[in-house]
Amino acid sequence: MAKKAKKRKYSKGAAKKVGRAMKKRKAGTLKSGRSGKKVKSRKQAIAIGLSEARKKGAKVPKKRARKS
């Protein structure tokens, strides 16, 4: 049986946005939205990159529903 080809979950454009956000974080110039505080968290930097990619219309899965 032939294996089914895997589709990319994230587009190349999304990967570039996340990469750019990670570089900004390392340089200390990445800031969060409203407050404008410096971002130190790796996870937060990834989230910012994905958010920017969504705004540009890149292929990114929807945000997960939050558990309350």
Protein backbone atom coordinates (compact mmCIF):
# COMPACT_ATOMS: atom_id res chain seq x y z
CA MET A 1 0.00 0.00 0.00
CA ALA A 2 1.19 3.48 -0.84
CA LYS A 3 1.52 5.94 2.02
CA LYS A 4 -0.55 9.09 1.87
CA ALA A 5 1.54 12.25 1.53
CA LYS A 6 1.45 14.47 4.62
CA LYS A 7 0.19 17.99 4.15
CA ARG A 8 1.90 20.90 5.85
CA LYS A 9 0.01 22.21 8.88
CA TYR A 10 1.84 25.54 8.70
CA SER A 11 2.83 27.38 5.52
CA LYS A 12 6.39 28.52 4.78
CA GLY A 13 5.24 32.11 5.29
CA ALA A 14 4.09 31.25 8.81
CA ALA A 15 7.45 29.66 9.57
CA LYS A 16 9.23 32.83 8.41
CA LYS A 17 7.05 35.02 10.66
CA VAL A 18 7.79 32.79 13.68
CA GLY A 19 11.50 32.79 12.84
CA ARG A 20 11.53 36.57 12.62
CA ALA A 21 9.73 36.88 15.98
CA MET A 22 12.26 34.52 17.59
CA LYS A 23 15.18 36.60 16.29
CA LYS A 24 13.57 39.78 17.63
CA ARG A 25 13.11 38.09 21.02
CA LYS A 26 16.78 37.10 21.14
CA ALA A 27 17.78 40.66 20.24
CA GLY A 28 15.46 41.98 22.96
CA THR A 29 13.33 44.08 20.63
CA LEU A 30 10.15 41.98 20.54
CA LYS A 31 7.30 43.65 22.40
CA SER A 32 3.83 42.43 23.30
CA GLY A 33 0.70 44.06 21.91
CA ARG A 34 -1.12 46.38 24.28
CA SER A 35 1.30 46.83 27.14
CA GLY A 36 4.41 47.05 24.97
CA LYS A 37 6.48 45.04 27.47
CA LYS A 38 9.53 43.11 26.27
CA VAL A 39 8.81 39.48 25.46
CA LYS A 40 11.14 37.04 27.22
CA SER A 41 9.13 33.84 26.84
CA ARG A 42 9.87 31.52 23.90
CA LYS A 43 6.24 30.36 23.76
CA GLN A 44 4.96 33.92 23.69
CA ALA A 45 7.32 34.80 20.84
CA ILE A 46 5.98 31.83 18.82
CA ALA A 47 2.40 32.91 19.55
CA ILE A 48 3.15 36.45 18.34
CA GLY A 49 4.71 35.10 15.13
CA LEU A 50 1.71 32.85 14.43
CA SER A 51 -0.69 35.69 15.17
CA GLU A 52 1.09 37.92 12.63
CA ALA A 53 1.00 35.09 10.09
CA ARG A 54 -2.78 34.69 10.60
CA LYS A 55 -3.28 38.41 9.99
CA LYS A 56 -1.34 38.14 6.71
CA GLY A 57 -3.51 35.19 5.64
CA ALA A 58 -0.87 32.45 5.88
CA LYS A 59 -1.96 28.85 6.40
CA VAL A 60 -2.05 28.42 10.18
CA PRO A 61 -4.41 26.17 12.18
CA LYS A 62 -7.07 27.92 14.25
CA LYS A 63 -6.35 28.85 17.86
CA ARG A 64 -7.20 26.12 20.37
CA ALA A 65 -10.25 26.68 22.55
CA ARG A 66 -9.24 27.70 26.05
CA LYS A 67 -10.24 25.56 29.00
CA SER A 68 -11.86 27.48 31.84
